């Protein structure tokens, strides 16, 4: 199991961010043991990585519409998952 804040989680987060081109639904679905509760922490980490040039900024992440984030939270509240296909 990956521990929050570990180097393994950071590597997984970077890979998920890059593969999904910044789509938070996909990121949460891809990182092992991630939940909607991890989103604020993931956002902070990714914003730092973008600022220092470790990863590129994708519009799906930097310009995510509030309605998309709200829909993700609604899906989880009604028993779904954070993934976009649910």
N, C-alpha and C. Protein backbone atom coordinates (compact mmCIF):
# COMPACT_ATOMS: atom_id res chain seq x y z
N UNK A 1 0.84 -1.18 0.00
CA UNK A 1 0.00 0.00 0.00
C UNK A 1 0.89 1.25 0.00
N UNK A 2 0.50 2.25 -0.74
CA UNK A 2 1.25 3.49 -0.84
C UNK A 2 0.84 4.42 0.30
N UNK A 3 1.83 4.94 1.00
CA UNK A 3 1.55 5.86 2.10
C UNK A 3 1.44 7.29 1.57
N UNK A 4 0.50 8.03 2.12
CA UNK A 4 0.33 9.43 1.73
C UNK A 4 1.62 10.19 2.00
N UNK A 5 2.06 10.94 1.01
CA UNK A 5 3.27 11.73 1.15
C UNK A 5 4.55 10.99 0.84
N UNK A 6 4.45 9.72 0.47
CA UNK A 6 5.65 8.93 0.18
C UNK A 6 6.17 9.26 -1.22
N UNK A 7 7.40 8.89 -1.48
CA UNK A 7 8.00 9.08 -2.80
C UNK A 7 7.23 8.27 -3.85
N UNK A 8 6.75 7.09 -3.45
CA UNK A 8 5.97 6.26 -4.37
C UNK A 8 4.66 6.95 -4.77
N UNK A 9 3.99 7.56 -3.79
CA UNK A 9 2.76 8.27 -4.09
C UNK A 9 3.05 9.46 -5.01
N UNK A 10 4.13 10.18 -4.75
CA UNK A 10 4.50 11.32 -5.58
C UNK A 10 4.74 10.87 -7.02
N UNK A 11 5.46 9.77 -7.19
CA UNK A 11 5.72 9.24 -8.54
C UNK A 11 4.41 8.84 -9.21
N UNK A 12 3.52 8.18 -8.46
CA UNK A 12 2.22 7.77 -9.00
C UNK A 12 1.38 8.99 -9.39
N UNK A 13 1.42 10.02 -8.55
CA UNK A 13 0.67 11.24 -8.82
C UNK A 13 1.18 11.93 -10.08
N UNK A 14 2.49 12.04 -10.21
CA UNK A 14 3.07 12.65 -11.42
C UNK A 14 2.68 11.87 -12.66
N UNK A 15 2.76 10.55 -12.59
CA UNK A 15 2.42 9.71 -13.74
C UNK A 15 0.94 9.85 -14.09
N UNK A 16 0.07 9.83 -13.08
CA UNK A 16 -1.37 9.95 -13.32
C UNK A 16 -1.69 11.32 -13.92
N UNK A 17 -1.06 12.36 -13.41
CA UNK A 17 -1.27 13.72 -13.92
C UNK A 17 -0.86 13.81 -15.38
N UNK A 18 0.31 13.28 -15.69
CA UNK A 18 0.83 13.35 -17.05
C UNK A 18 -0.01 12.51 -18.01
N UNK A 19 -0.31 11.28 -17.62
CA UNK A 19 -1.10 10.39 -18.49
C UNK A 19 -2.50 10.92 -18.73
N UNK A 20 -3.09 11.56 -17.73
CA UNK A 20 -4.46 12.07 -17.87
C UNK A 20 -4.49 13.48 -18.42
N UNK A 21 -3.32 14.04 -18.65
CA UNK A 21 -3.18 15.42 -19.13
C UNK A 21 -3.93 16.39 -18.20
N UNK A 22 -3.83 16.09 -16.88
CA UNK A 22 -4.35 16.99 -15.87
C UNK A 22 -5.79 16.78 -15.45
N UNK A 23 -6.45 15.74 -15.94
CA UNK A 23 -7.85 15.51 -15.59
C UNK A 23 -7.96 14.92 -14.18
N UNK A 24 -8.51 15.69 -13.25
CA UNK A 24 -8.56 15.27 -11.85
C UNK A 24 -9.39 14.01 -11.64
N UNK A 25 -10.46 13.81 -12.40
CA UNK A 25 -11.23 12.57 -12.28
C UNK A 25 -10.33 11.37 -12.53
N UNK A 26 -9.57 11.43 -13.60
CA UNK A 26 -8.66 10.33 -13.94
C UNK A 26 -7.54 10.17 -12.93
N UNK A 27 -7.03 11.29 -12.43
CA UNK A 27 -5.96 11.25 -11.43
C UNK A 27 -6.45 10.51 -10.18
N UNK A 28 -7.61 10.89 -9.69
CA UNK A 28 -8.15 10.25 -8.48
C UNK A 28 -8.43 8.78 -8.71
N UNK A 29 -8.81 8.44 -9.93
CA UNK A 29 -9.09 7.04 -10.26
C UNK A 29 -7.81 6.23 -10.42
N UNK A 30 -6.71 6.88 -10.79
CA UNK A 30 -5.47 6.17 -11.10
C UNK A 30 -4.52 5.98 -9.92
N UNK A 31 -4.49 6.94 -9.00
CA UNK A 31 -3.56 6.85 -7.87
C UNK A 31 -4.12 5.86 -6.85
N UNK A 32 -3.32 4.87 -6.50
CA UNK A 32 -3.76 3.82 -5.60
C UNK A 32 -4.25 4.39 -4.26
N UNK A 33 -5.41 3.94 -3.85
CA UNK A 33 -6.03 4.30 -2.56
C UNK A 33 -6.42 5.77 -2.47
N UNK A 34 -6.48 6.48 -3.59
CA UNK A 34 -6.86 7.89 -3.56
C UNK A 34 -8.37 8.02 -3.42
N UNK A 35 -8.78 9.09 -2.75
CA UNK A 35 -10.20 9.38 -2.62
C UNK A 35 -10.39 10.88 -2.83
N UNK A 36 -11.64 11.29 -2.86
CA UNK A 36 -11.94 12.71 -3.04
C UNK A 36 -11.30 13.54 -1.92
N UNK A 37 -11.11 12.95 -0.76
CA UNK A 37 -10.47 13.66 0.35
C UNK A 37 -9.03 14.03 0.03
N UNK A 38 -8.40 13.32 -0.90
CA UNK A 38 -7.01 13.60 -1.28
C UNK A 38 -6.90 14.75 -2.28
N UNK A 39 -8.00 15.14 -2.89
CA UNK A 39 -7.93 16.16 -3.95
C UNK A 39 -7.23 17.45 -3.53
N UNK A 40 -7.59 18.07 -2.39
CA UNK A 40 -6.90 19.32 -2.04
C UNK A 40 -5.38 19.13 -1.88
N UNK A 41 -4.97 18.02 -1.29
CA UNK A 41 -3.54 17.74 -1.11
C UNK A 41 -2.88 17.50 -2.46
N UNK A 42 -3.54 16.74 -3.34
CA UNK A 42 -2.99 16.49 -4.67
C UNK A 42 -2.86 17.80 -5.44
N UNK A 43 -3.88 18.66 -5.35
CA UNK A 43 -3.83 19.95 -6.05
C UNK A 43 -2.63 20.77 -5.59
N UNK A 44 -2.42 20.81 -4.30
CA UNK A 44 -1.30 21.59 -3.75
C UNK A 44 0.04 21.03 -4.26
N UNK A 45 0.19 19.72 -4.23
CA UNK A 45 1.42 19.08 -4.71
C UNK A 45 1.62 19.39 -6.20
N UNK A 46 0.55 19.21 -6.99
CA UNK A 46 0.67 19.42 -8.43
C UNK A 46 0.94 20.88 -8.77
N UNK A 47 0.32 21.81 -8.05
CA UNK A 47 0.59 23.23 -8.28
C UNK A 47 2.06 23.56 -8.01
N UNK A 48 2.64 22.94 -6.98
CA UNK A 48 4.07 23.14 -6.69
C UNK A 48 4.93 22.55 -7.80
N UNK A 49 4.56 21.35 -8.28
CA UNK A 49 5.32 20.71 -9.35
C UNK A 49 5.24 21.52 -10.65
N UNK A 50 4.10 22.11 -10.92
CA UNK A 50 3.94 22.96 -12.10
C UNK A 50 4.81 24.21 -11.95
N UNK A 51 4.75 24.82 -10.77
CA UNK A 51 5.51 26.06 -10.53
C UNK A 51 7.02 25.85 -10.66
N UNK A 52 7.51 24.69 -10.22
CA UNK A 52 8.96 24.47 -10.30
C UNK A 52 9.39 23.80 -11.60
N UNK A 53 8.43 23.57 -12.50
CA UNK A 53 8.76 23.03 -13.81
C UNK A 53 8.93 21.53 -13.88
N UNK A 54 8.56 20.83 -12.83
CA UNK A 54 8.69 19.36 -12.82
C UNK A 54 7.68 18.69 -13.73
N UNK A 55 6.51 19.30 -13.89
CA UNK A 55 5.49 18.82 -14.82
C UNK A 55 4.95 20.03 -15.56
N UNK A 56 4.40 19.78 -16.74
CA UNK A 56 3.82 20.90 -17.49
C UNK A 56 2.40 21.18 -17.02
N UNK A 57 1.96 22.40 -17.23
CA UNK A 57 0.61 22.79 -16.86
C UNK A 57 -0.36 22.38 -17.96
N UNK A 58 -1.37 21.60 -17.59
CA UNK A 58 -2.41 21.21 -18.53
C UNK A 58 -3.67 22.00 -18.21
N UNK A 59 -4.34 22.47 -19.25
CA UNK A 59 -5.55 23.27 -19.06
C UNK A 59 -6.63 22.51 -18.29
N UNK A 60 -6.70 21.20 -18.45
CA UNK A 60 -7.70 20.41 -17.73
C UNK A 60 -7.52 20.56 -16.22
N UNK A 61 -6.30 20.79 -15.80
CA UNK A 61 -6.02 20.97 -14.37
C UNK A 61 -6.11 22.44 -13.97
N UNK A 62 -5.40 23.30 -14.69
CA UNK A 62 -5.30 24.70 -14.30
C UNK A 62 -6.60 25.47 -14.52
N UNK A 63 -7.42 25.02 -15.47
CA UNK A 63 -8.67 25.73 -15.78
C UNK A 63 -9.90 24.86 -15.55
N UNK A 64 -9.81 23.91 -14.62
CA UNK A 64 -10.97 23.03 -14.39
C UNK A 64 -12.17 23.87 -13.94
N UNK A 65 -13.30 23.62 -14.58
CA UNK A 65 -14.51 24.34 -14.24
C UNK A 65 -15.03 23.89 -12.88
N UNK A 66 -15.55 24.84 -12.12
CA UNK A 66 -16.11 24.53 -10.81
C UNK A 66 -17.24 23.52 -10.93
N UNK A 67 -17.97 23.55 -12.03
CA UNK A 67 -19.09 22.62 -12.22
C UNK A 67 -18.59 21.18 -12.34
N UNK A 68 -17.40 20.98 -12.92
CA UNK A 68 -16.85 19.63 -13.04
C UNK A 68 -16.44 19.11 -11.66
N UNK A 69 -15.80 19.96 -10.86
CA UNK A 69 -15.40 19.57 -9.51
C UNK A 69 -16.65 19.28 -8.66
N UNK A 70 -17.69 20.09 -8.82
CA UNK A 70 -18.93 19.88 -8.07
C UNK A 70 -19.59 18.56 -8.47
N UNK A 71 -19.57 18.25 -9.75
CA UNK A 71 -20.14 16.98 -10.23
C UNK A 71 -19.39 15.80 -9.65
N UNK A 72 -18.07 15.92 -9.54
CA UNK A 72 -17.25 14.84 -8.95
C UNK A 72 -17.68 14.61 -7.50
N UNK A 73 -17.89 15.68 -6.76
CA UNK A 73 -18.31 15.55 -5.37
C UNK A 73 -19.71 14.96 -5.26
N UNK A 74 -20.60 15.35 -6.17
CA UNK A 74 -21.96 14.78 -6.15
C UNK A 74 -21.94 13.28 -6.42
N UNK A 75 -21.12 12.85 -7.38
CA UNK A 75 -21.04 11.41 -7.70
C UNK A 75 -20.60 10.62 -6.48
N UNK A 76 -19.64 11.14 -5.74
CA UNK A 76 -19.15 10.43 -4.56
C UNK A 76 -20.21 10.41 -3.47
N UNK A 77 -20.91 11.52 -3.29
CA UNK A 77 -21.96 11.59 -2.25
C UNK A 77 -23.08 10.60 -2.49
N UNK A 78 -23.39 10.30 -3.73
CA UNK A 78 -24.49 9.38 -4.01
C UNK A 78 -24.00 7.95 -4.19
N UNK A 79 -22.77 7.68 -3.81
CA UNK A 79 -22.29 6.30 -3.80
C UNK A 79 -21.49 5.89 -5.01
N UNK A 80 -21.21 6.82 -5.88
CA UNK A 80 -20.39 6.50 -7.05
C UNK A 80 -18.92 6.64 -6.73
N UNK A 81 -18.14 6.73 -7.75
CA UNK A 81 -16.71 6.94 -7.58
C UNK A 81 -16.34 8.27 -8.22
N UNK A 82 -15.10 8.67 -8.06
CA UNK A 82 -14.65 9.95 -8.64
C UNK A 82 -14.37 9.83 -10.12
N UNK A 83 -14.39 8.62 -10.64
CA UNK A 83 -14.03 8.44 -12.05
C UNK A 83 -15.06 9.06 -12.98
N UNK A 84 -14.61 9.52 -14.13
CA UNK A 84 -15.48 10.26 -15.04
C UNK A 84 -16.49 9.38 -15.76
N UNK A 85 -16.28 8.09 -15.82
CA UNK A 85 -17.20 7.20 -16.55
C UNK A 85 -18.36 6.72 -15.71
N UNK A 86 -18.40 7.06 -14.44
CA UNK A 86 -19.48 6.59 -13.58
C UNK A 86 -20.72 7.46 -13.70
